[in-house]
Amino acid sequence: MTTRRFFVAFAIAAILLAGVVSYFAAGSPDGLNRVAEDHGLASAEKEHPTDGSPLADYGTKGVDNGALSGAVAGVLGVGIVLVVAGGLAFVVRRRRPSSA
């Protein structure tokens, strides 16, 4: 398998997992939120500056279906990470001096 095929297969698998697995995500609070609720710290919680952003709260603004909203957010998140990481890898790889 070529490197290119591997990365394409990896990207497709990551995007499919993000879109499908997010459908099965638990609705209960995640780790830090749960601890804050259990110990009475949740009352001191403040709104985050990015709360109104398009992908805030593990969802997609403007998508009314909860499962679809989470899937779109997951796919977009994975896509963004893959593009940024791929871009950084490309830049770092190109900057290395060639050994002659």
N, C-alpha and C. Protein backbone atom coordinates (compact mmCIF):
# COMPACT_ATOMS: atom_id res chain seq x y z
N MET A 1 0.85 -1.18 0.00
CA MET A 1 0.00 0.00 0.00
C MET A 1 0.90 1.24 0.00
N THR A 2 0.59 2.17 -0.88
CA THR A 2 1.38 3.39 -0.94
C THR A 2 1.03 4.31 0.22
N THR A 3 1.93 5.25 0.47
CA THR A 3 1.70 6.20 1.56
C THR A 3 0.44 7.02 1.29
N ARG A 4 0.26 7.41 0.05
CA ARG A 4 -0.91 8.23 -0.30
C ARG A 4 -2.20 7.47 -0.04
N ARG A 5 -2.25 6.22 -0.45
CA ARG A 5 -3.46 5.40 -0.21
C ARG A 5 -3.71 5.23 1.28
N PHE A 6 -2.65 5.04 2.04
CA PHE A 6 -2.80 4.89 3.49
C PHE A 6 -3.44 6.14 4.08
N PHE A 7 -2.93 7.32 3.72
CA PHE A 7 -3.46 8.56 4.28
C PHE A 7 -4.89 8.83 3.82
N VAL A 8 -5.22 8.49 2.61
CA VAL A 8 -6.60 8.65 2.13
C VAL A 8 -7.52 7.71 2.90
N ALA A 9 -7.10 6.46 3.07
CA ALA A 9 -7.91 5.49 3.82
C ALA A 9 -8.05 5.94 5.28
N PHE A 10 -6.97 6.46 5.87
CA PHE A 10 -7.01 6.95 7.24
C PHE A 10 -8.00 8.11 7.37
N ALA A 11 -7.94 9.04 6.44
CA ALA A 11 -8.83 10.20 6.47
C ALA A 11 -10.29 9.78 6.33
N ILE A 12 -10.56 8.87 5.42
CA ILE A 12 -11.93 8.39 5.23
C ILE A 12 -12.43 7.67 6.48
N ALA A 13 -11.58 6.83 7.07
CA ALA A 13 -11.98 6.11 8.29
C ALA A 13 -12.23 7.09 9.44
N ALA A 14 -11.38 8.08 9.59
CA ALA A 14 -11.54 9.06 10.67
C ALA A 14 -12.83 9.86 10.50
N ILE A 15 -13.12 10.26 9.28
CA ILE A 15 -14.34 11.04 9.03
C ILE A 15 -15.58 10.18 9.24
N LEU A 16 -15.55 8.94 8.78
CA LEU A 16 -16.69 8.05 9.01
C LEU A 16 -16.91 7.78 10.50
N LEU A 17 -15.81 7.53 11.22
CA LEU A 17 -15.94 7.31 12.66
C LEU A 17 -16.51 8.54 13.36
N ALA A 18 -16.03 9.71 12.99
CA ALA A 18 -16.52 10.94 13.61
C ALA A 18 -18.00 11.13 13.35
N GLY A 19 -18.43 10.83 12.15
CA GLY A 19 -19.84 11.01 11.81
C GLY A 19 -20.75 9.96 12.41
N VAL A 20 -20.27 8.73 12.50
CA VAL A 20 -21.11 7.64 13.00
C VAL A 20 -21.02 7.49 14.51
N VAL A 21 -19.83 7.51 15.06
CA VAL A 21 -19.65 7.28 16.49
C VAL A 21 -20.26 8.43 17.30
N SER A 22 -20.25 9.63 16.76
CA SER A 22 -20.83 10.76 17.48
C SER A 22 -22.33 10.57 17.71
N TYR A 23 -22.97 9.78 16.86
CA TYR A 23 -24.40 9.49 17.03
C TYR A 23 -24.65 8.73 18.34
N PHE A 24 -23.68 7.92 18.74
CA PHE A 24 -23.83 7.10 19.94
C PHE A 24 -23.24 7.74 21.19
N ALA A 25 -22.81 8.98 21.10
CA ALA A 25 -22.21 9.66 22.26
C ALA A 25 -23.25 9.81 23.37
N ALA A 26 -22.78 9.70 24.59
CA ALA A 26 -23.66 9.79 25.75
C ALA A 26 -24.15 11.22 25.93
N GLY A 27 -25.36 11.36 26.39
CA GLY A 27 -25.93 12.68 26.63
C GLY A 27 -25.57 13.23 28.00
N SER A 28 -24.99 12.40 28.84
CA SER A 28 -24.62 12.86 30.18
C SER A 28 -23.35 13.70 30.12
N PRO A 29 -23.13 14.52 31.15
CA PRO A 29 -21.95 15.40 31.15
C PRO A 29 -20.65 14.61 31.09
N ASP A 30 -19.64 15.20 30.42
CA ASP A 30 -18.35 14.53 30.36
C ASP A 30 -17.57 14.79 31.64
N GLY A 31 -16.37 14.24 31.75
CA GLY A 31 -15.57 14.20 32.97
C GLY A 31 -15.54 15.44 33.83
N LEU A 32 -14.99 16.52 33.31
CA LEU A 32 -14.82 17.73 34.11
C LEU A 32 -16.15 18.34 34.50
N ASN A 33 -17.12 18.33 33.59
CA ASN A 33 -18.45 18.86 33.92
C ASN A 33 -19.11 18.03 35.02
N ARG A 34 -18.93 16.72 34.96
CA ARG A 34 -19.54 15.83 35.96
C ARG A 34 -18.94 16.10 37.35
N VAL A 35 -17.62 16.26 37.42
CA VAL A 35 -16.96 16.54 38.69
C VAL A 35 -17.44 17.89 39.24
N ALA A 36 -17.56 18.88 38.37
CA ALA A 36 -18.04 20.20 38.79
C ALA A 36 -19.45 20.11 39.35
N GLU A 37 -20.31 19.33 38.71
CA GLU A 37 -21.68 19.15 39.20
C GLU A 37 -21.69 18.40 40.53
N ASP A 38 -20.90 17.34 40.64
CA ASP A 38 -20.87 16.53 41.86
C ASP A 38 -20.35 17.30 43.07
N HIS A 39 -19.46 18.26 42.85
CA HIS A 39 -18.85 18.98 43.96
C HIS A 39 -19.36 20.41 44.11
N GLY A 40 -20.46 20.73 43.44
CA GLY A 40 -21.08 22.03 43.60
C GLY A 40 -20.34 23.19 42.95
N LEU A 41 -19.46 22.90 42.02
CA LEU A 41 -18.71 23.96 41.36
C LEU A 41 -19.42 24.48 40.11
N ALA A 42 -20.44 23.78 39.65
CA ALA A 42 -21.13 24.15 38.41
C ALA A 42 -21.83 25.49 38.53
N SER A 43 -22.19 25.88 39.75
CA SER A 43 -22.89 27.16 39.92
C SER A 43 -21.97 28.36 39.62
N ALA A 44 -20.67 28.16 39.69
CA ALA A 44 -19.72 29.24 39.41
C ALA A 44 -19.33 29.28 37.93
N GLU A 45 -19.93 28.40 37.14
CA GLU A 45 -19.60 28.32 35.71
C GLU A 45 -19.99 29.60 34.99
N LYS A 46 -19.10 30.05 34.11
CA LYS A 46 -19.36 31.25 33.32
C LYS A 46 -19.46 30.87 31.85
N GLU A 47 -20.12 31.71 31.08
CA GLU A 47 -20.25 31.45 29.65
C GLU A 47 -18.89 31.65 28.97
N HIS A 48 -18.56 30.73 28.11
CA HIS A 48 -17.29 30.81 27.38
C HIS A 48 -17.44 31.78 26.21
N PRO A 49 -16.40 32.53 25.88
CA PRO A 49 -16.49 33.49 24.78
C PRO A 49 -16.88 32.87 23.43
N THR A 50 -16.60 31.58 23.24
CA THR A 50 -16.93 30.94 21.96
C THR A 50 -18.24 30.17 22.01
N ASP A 51 -19.05 30.38 23.04
CA ASP A 51 -20.31 29.65 23.16
C ASP A 51 -21.26 29.86 21.99
N GLY A 52 -21.18 30.98 21.32
CA GLY A 52 -22.06 31.24 20.19
C GLY A 52 -21.48 30.81 18.85
N SER A 53 -20.32 30.14 18.87
CA SER A 53 -19.67 29.75 17.61
C SER A 53 -20.44 28.63 16.91
N PRO A 54 -20.21 28.44 15.63
CA PRO A 54 -20.97 27.45 14.86
C PRO A 54 -20.84 26.00 15.35
N LEU A 55 -19.75 25.65 16.02
CA LEU A 55 -19.56 24.27 16.47
C LEU A 55 -19.53 24.14 17.99
N ALA A 56 -20.11 25.08 18.69
CA ALA A 56 -20.09 25.06 20.16
C ALA A 56 -20.95 23.93 20.71
N ASP A 57 -20.57 23.41 21.85
CA ASP A 57 -21.35 22.40 22.59
C ASP A 57 -21.51 21.08 21.82
N TYR A 58 -20.49 20.67 21.09
CA TYR A 58 -20.49 19.40 20.36
C TYR A 58 -21.64 19.31 19.37
N GLY A 59 -22.04 20.44 18.81
CA GLY A 59 -23.13 20.46 17.85
C GLY A 59 -22.85 21.46 16.75
N THR A 60 -23.79 21.55 15.82
CA THR A 60 -23.66 22.47 14.69
C THR A 60 -24.81 23.46 14.73
N LYS A 61 -24.47 24.73 14.79
CA LYS A 61 -25.49 25.78 14.83
C LYS A 61 -26.32 25.73 13.55
N GLY A 62 -27.63 25.77 13.71
CA GLY A 62 -28.52 25.78 12.55
C GLY A 62 -29.02 24.41 12.15
N VAL A 63 -28.49 23.33 12.75
CA VAL A 63 -28.96 21.98 12.46
C VAL A 63 -29.82 21.54 13.64
N ASP A 64 -31.12 21.37 13.40
CA ASP A 64 -32.06 21.09 14.49
C ASP A 64 -32.03 19.65 14.99
N ASN A 65 -31.71 18.70 14.14
CA ASN A 65 -31.64 17.30 14.54
C ASN A 65 -30.37 17.09 15.36
N GLY A 66 -30.52 16.67 16.62
CA GLY A 66 -29.38 16.53 17.53
C GLY A 66 -28.32 15.56 17.04
N ALA A 67 -28.74 14.40 16.54
CA ALA A 67 -27.78 13.40 16.06
C ALA A 67 -27.04 13.91 14.83
N LEU A 68 -27.76 14.50 13.92
CA LEU A 68 -27.13 15.03 12.71
C LEU A 68 -26.21 16.21 13.05
N SER A 69 -26.63 17.02 13.99
CA SER A 69 -25.82 18.17 14.42
C SER A 69 -24.48 17.71 14.99
N GLY A 70 -24.51 16.68 15.82
CA GLY A 70 -23.28 16.12 16.39
C GLY A 70 -22.40 15.48 15.33
N ALA A 71 -23.03 14.79 14.38
CA ALA A 71 -22.28 14.13 13.32
C ALA A 71 -21.58 15.16 12.43
N VAL A 72 -22.29 16.22 12.08
CA VAL A 72 -21.69 17.27 11.24
C VAL A 72 -20.53 17.93 11.99
N ALA A 73 -20.74 18.22 13.28
CA ALA A 73 -19.67 18.83 14.07
C ALA A 73 -18.46 17.90 14.16
N GLY A 74 -18.70 16.61 14.34
CA GLY A 74 -17.61 15.65 14.40
C GLY A 74 -16.83 15.56 13.10
N VAL A 75 -17.55 15.49 11.99
CA VAL A 75 -16.89 15.41 10.68
C VAL A 75 -16.11 16.69 10.40
N LEU A 76 -16.71 17.84 10.67
CA LEU A 76 -16.00 19.11 10.45
C LEU A 76 -14.77 19.21 11.35
N GLY A 77 -14.91 18.80 12.61
CA GLY A 77 -13.78 18.84 13.53
C GLY A 77 -12.63 17.97 13.07
N VAL A 78 -12.94 16.75 12.66
CA VAL A 78 -11.90 15.84 12.17
C VAL A 78 -11.28 16.40 10.90
N GLY A 79 -12.10 16.94 10.02
CA GLY A 79 -11.59 17.52 8.78
C GLY A 79 -10.63 18.68 9.05
N ILE A 80 -11.01 19.54 9.97
CA ILE A 80 -10.16 20.68 10.32
C ILE A 80 -8.83 20.20 10.89
N VAL A 81 -8.88 19.23 11.80
CA VAL A 81 -7.65 18.71 12.41
C VAL A 81 -6.77 18.05 11.34
N LEU A 82 -7.36 17.28 10.44
CA LEU A 82 -6.57 16.63 9.39
C LEU A 82 -5.92 17.65 8.47
N VAL A 83 -6.64 18.71 8.12
CA VAL A 83 -6.07 19.73 7.24
C VAL A 83 -4.94 20.48 7.94
N VAL A 84 -5.16 20.88 9.20
CA VAL A 84 -4.11 21.61 9.93
C VAL A 84 -2.89 20.73 10.16
N ALA A 85 -3.11 19.48 10.61
CA ALA A 85 -1.99 18.58 10.87
C ALA A 85 -1.26 18.24 9.57
N GLY A 86 -2.00 18.01 8.50
CA GLY A 86 -1.38 17.73 7.21
C GLY A 86 -0.58 18.92 6.70
N GLY A 87 -1.12 20.11 6.87
CA GLY A 87 -0.41 21.32 6.46
C GLY A 87 0.87 21.51 7.25
N LEU A 88 0.80 21.31 8.55
CA LEU A 88 2.00 21.43 9.38
C LEU A 88 3.04 20.38 9.00
N ALA A 89 2.60 19.16 8.77
CA ALA A 89 3.53 18.10 8.38
C ALA A 89 4.19 18.44 7.04
N PHE A 90 3.41 18.98 6.12
CA PHE A 90 3.95 19.36 4.82
C PHE A 90 5.00 20.46 4.95
N VAL A 91 4.70 21.47 5.78
CA VAL A 91 5.64 22.58 5.97
C VAL A 91 6.92 22.11 6.65
N VAL A 92 6.78 21.30 7.69
CA VAL A 92 7.96 20.80 8.42
C VAL A 92 8.79 19.90 7.51
N ARG A 93 8.14 19.10 6.75
CA ARG A 93 8.85 18.17 5.86
C ARG A 93 9.64 18.94 4.80
N ARG A 94 9.08 20.02 4.28
CA ARG A 94 9.72 20.79 3.23
C ARG A 94 10.87 21.65 3.75
N ARG A 95 10.85 21.99 5.04
CA ARG A 95 11.88 22.87 5.60
C ARG A 95 13.16 22.14 5.95
N ARG A 96 13.13 20.86 6.06
CA ARG A 96 14.33 20.11 6.42
C ARG A 96 15.40 20.28 5.35
N PRO A 97 16.60 20.55 5.77
CA PRO A 97 17.67 20.63 4.76
C PRO A 97 17.97 19.24 4.21
N SER A 98 18.16 19.20 2.93
CA SER A 98 18.44 17.90 2.31
C SER A 98 19.90 17.52 2.56
N SER A 99 20.12 16.27 2.84
CA SER A 99 21.50 15.82 3.07
C SER A 99 22.06 15.34 1.74
N ALA A 100 23.10 16.00 1.30
CA ALA A 100 23.67 15.67 -0.01
C ALA A 100 24.99 14.98 0.11
